[in-house]
Amino acid sequence: MTRSKLPALVCGAGLLAACSSTTAGTAVPEGAGPAQASSGIPTPGRPASGGAREGVARVKLDGAVPPGAERIAMDCRVAAGSVVASPADPLNAPEYAPMVSLRTGGAPTTETVMFSVRVGVLLGDKPFTTAVDGGSYVISGTASGLAGSVDQGGITQVKKSFEVRLTCPA
């Protein structure tokens, strides 16, 4: 799977609310204008494209932060007791950028976690642990899927423990 197919996969997986079309391979929420790339590190709470609000995520896989995953710009959609978060610039997001959907009412619960990789995708295996730490959701569990290099014939099944710290405005 190439990186340019990721937005279609996100819509197909049902992670983006009201996803209706693509523009140059980038998912465009219904009623939004042309897709726009994020301009660097976001300020949590600032409006993002298509009605989303900008947030940030940090990812740890097997206890370590992958390159570029310390501070990932995220588009957060917060409504009706739920949060759906995806990379603000999916075509330029670092490897292992997360896509998350969770319910925020009462004790928060995570519904879906998915990570993009150069070739393939890692899907979170339920159950997840979801906690609130200050203004952030901390989601942990395990993810499995396919990863590797098509050019080198090294596609393998992988399983990794993960922790996502997601900060989205209310």
Protein backbone atom coordinates (compact mmCIF):
# COMPACT_ATOMS: atom_id res chain seq x y z
CA MET A 1 0.00 0.00 0.00
CA THR A 2 1.46 3.34 -0.94
CA ARG A 3 1.22 6.46 1.18
CA SER A 4 -1.09 8.06 -1.39
CA LYS A 5 -3.74 5.42 -0.61
CA LEU A 6 -3.81 6.22 3.13
CA PRO A 7 -6.57 8.88 3.03
CA ALA A 8 -8.85 6.56 1.09
CA LEU A 9 -8.13 3.84 3.65
CA VAL A 10 -8.99 6.24 6.46
CA CYS A 11 -12.35 7.04 4.86
CA GLY A 12 -12.92 3.40 4.08
CA ALA A 13 -12.21 2.45 7.69
CA GLY A 14 -14.88 4.90 8.83
CA LEU A 15 -12.52 6.98 10.96
CA LEU A 16 -13.34 10.32 9.37
CA ALA A 17 -16.83 11.57 9.95
CA ALA A 18 -18.74 12.61 6.83
CA CYS A 19 -15.91 11.71 4.46
CA SER A 20 -17.32 12.14 0.99
CA SER A 21 -14.59 12.60 -1.57
CA THR A 22 -10.89 12.93 -2.26
CA THR A 23 -8.90 15.74 -3.78
CA ALA A 24 -5.53 14.68 -5.19
CA GLY A 25 -5.69 11.61 -2.95
CA THR A 26 -6.51 13.55 0.22
CA ALA A 27 -9.78 12.96 2.06
CA VAL A 28 -12.07 15.97 1.98
CA PRO A 29 -14.86 16.12 4.57
CA GLU A 30 -18.29 16.96 3.19
CA GLY A 31 -18.77 20.72 2.91
CA ALA A 32 -15.05 21.49 3.16
CA GLY A 33 -13.04 23.36 0.60
CA PRO A 34 -9.90 22.02 -1.08
CA ALA A 35 -7.64 19.94 1.14
CA GLN A 36 -4.93 22.01 2.79
CA ALA A 37 -1.65 20.87 4.28
CA SER A 38 -0.88 21.68 7.88
CA SER A 39 1.69 24.44 8.29
CA GLY A 40 3.96 22.80 10.84
CA ILE A 41 3.41 22.20 14.52
CA PRO A 42 -0.14 23.08 15.53
CA THR A 43 -1.44 25.12 18.38
CA PRO A 44 -3.95 22.83 20.10
CA GLY A 45 -7.45 24.25 19.72
CA ARG A 46 -6.79 26.37 16.63
CA PRO A 47 -9.30 25.64 13.85
CA ALA A 48 -7.92 23.26 11.22
CA SER A 49 -9.20 22.61 7.72
CA GLY A 50 -12.72 21.26 7.16
CA GLY A 51 -14.11 22.14 10.60
CA ALA A 52 -11.58 20.06 12.54
CA ARG A 53 -9.51 21.52 15.39
CA GLU A 54 -5.75 21.11 15.52
CA GLY A 55 -4.29 18.83 18.13
CA VAL A 56 -1.07 16.92 18.68
CA ALA A 57 -0.10 13.30 19.23
CA ARG A 58 3.01 11.50 20.43
CA VAL A 59 3.51 7.82 19.65
CA LYS A 60 5.61 5.21 21.41
CA LEU A 61 6.04 1.76 19.88
CA ASP A 62 7.62 -0.97 21.97
CA GLY A 63 8.58 1.72 24.50
CA ALA A 64 10.44 4.00 22.06
CA VAL A 65 9.38 7.09 20.08
CA PRO A 66 9.91 6.47 16.32
CA PRO A 67 11.60 9.27 14.33
CA GLY A 68 9.15 12.13 13.75
CA ALA A 69 6.54 10.72 16.13
CA GLU A 70 7.34 12.99 19.10
CA ARG A 71 4.90 15.73 17.99
CA ILE A 72 2.50 14.90 15.16
CA ALA A 73 0.03 17.54 13.93
CA MET A 74 -3.49 16.07 14.17
CA ASP A 75 -6.96 17.10 12.97
CA CYS A 76 -9.43 16.46 15.78
CA ARG A 77 -13.18 16.30 15.35
CA VAL A 78 -14.91 16.58 18.70
CA ALA A 79 -18.70 16.14 18.79
CA ALA A 80 -21.48 14.29 20.59
CA GLY A 81 -19.22 12.66 23.17
CA SER A 82 -16.64 11.40 20.73
CA VAL A 83 -13.26 12.35 19.26
CA VAL A 84 -11.96 11.32 15.86
CA ALA A 85 -8.32 12.25 15.23
CA SER A 86 -6.19 11.76 12.13
CA PRO A 87 -2.96 13.29 10.82
CA ALA A 88 -3.42 16.93 9.76
CA ASP A 89 -1.30 16.30 6.67
CA PRO A 90 -1.67 12.57 5.94
CA LEU A 91 0.55 12.55 2.86
CA ASN A 92 3.47 14.06 4.76
CA ALA A 93 2.84 12.61 8.22
CA PRO A 94 5.66 10.62 9.79
CA GLU A 95 5.58 6.86 9.72
CA TYR A 96 3.41 5.47 12.52
CA ALA A 97 1.14 8.55 12.57
CA PRO A 98 -1.99 7.43 14.44
CA MET A 99 -5.67 7.56 13.56
CA VAL A 100 -7.88 7.28 16.63
CA SER A 101 -11.57 7.27 17.47
CA LEU A 102 -12.74 7.35 21.07
CA ARG A 103 -15.77 8.06 23.23
CA THR A 104 -15.30 10.76 25.84
CA GLY A 105 -18.40 10.42 28.04
CA GLY A 106 -17.87 9.14 31.60
CA ALA A 107 -14.77 6.97 31.51
CA PRO A 108 -13.22 7.44 28.03
CA THR A 109 -13.03 4.37 25.81
CA THR A 110 -11.09 3.92 22.59
CA GLU A 111 -12.96 2.44 19.64
CA THR A 112 -10.26 2.31 16.94
CA VAL A 113 -6.50 2.82 16.64
CA MET A 114 -4.62 2.54 13.36
CA PHE A 115 -1.06 3.51 12.38
CA SER A 116 0.23 4.26 8.90
CA VAL A 117 3.48 2.60 7.88
CA ARG A 118 5.48 2.90 4.67
CA VAL A 119 4.05 -0.35 3.36
CA GLY A 120 0.95 -1.59 5.13
CA VAL A 121 -0.92 -0.60 8.22
CA LEU A 122 -0.95 -1.55 11.90
CA LEU A 123 -4.39 -1.98 13.44
CA GLY A 124 -4.90 -1.76 17.17
CA ASP A 125 -6.02 -5.00 18.80
CA LYS A 126 -8.86 -4.53 21.32
CA PRO A 127 -9.05 -4.06 24.24
CA PHE A 128 -7.31 -0.72 24.66
CA THR A 129 -6.44 1.09 27.87
CA THR A 130 -7.65 4.70 27.78
CA ALA A 131 -6.88 7.27 30.48
CA VAL A 132 -6.98 11.04 30.84
CA ASP A 133 -3.79 12.81 31.89
CA GLY A 134 -4.40 16.55 32.21
CA GLY A 135 -5.72 17.65 28.81
CA SER A 136 -4.53 14.52 26.98
CA TYR A 137 -5.89 11.06 26.31
CA VAL A 138 -3.34 8.30 26.83
CA ILE A 139 -4.23 5.20 24.82
CA SER A 140 -2.23 2.01 25.03
CA GLY A 141 -2.43 -1.55 23.79
CA THR A 142 -1.00 -3.69 21.02
CA ALA A 143 -1.21 -3.28 17.25
CA SER A 144 -0.54 -5.84 14.56
CA GLY A 145 -0.33 -5.81 10.80
CA LEU A 146 2.08 -5.90 7.90
CA ALA A 147 5.21 -3.80 7.55
CA GLY A 148 8.52 -3.90 5.73
CA SER A 149 10.01 -3.16 2.33
CA VAL A 150 8.41 -4.28 -0.92
CA ASP A 151 11.65 -3.48 -2.77
CA GLN A 152 13.62 -5.84 -0.54
CA GLY A 153 10.90 -8.48 -0.32
CA GLY A 154 10.73 -8.10 3.43
CA ILE A 155 7.00 -7.76 4.16
CA THR A 156 6.37 -9.40 7.50
CA GLN A 157 3.63 -9.60 10.05
CA VAL A 158 4.44 -7.49 13.10
CA LYS A 159 2.97 -6.95 16.54
CA LYS A 160 3.97 -3.94 18.64
CA SER A 161 2.94 -2.48 21.95
CA PHE A 162 1.93 1.17 21.63
CA GLU A 163 1.11 4.29 23.58
CA VAL A 164 -0.54 7.30 21.96
CA ARG A 165 -0.76 10.59 23.88
CA LEU A 166 -3.44 12.60 22.08
CA THR A 167 -4.24 16.22 22.92
CA CYS A 168 -7.36 17.58 21.24
CA PRO A 169 -9.34 20.69 22.21
CA ALA A 170 -12.72 20.23 23.82
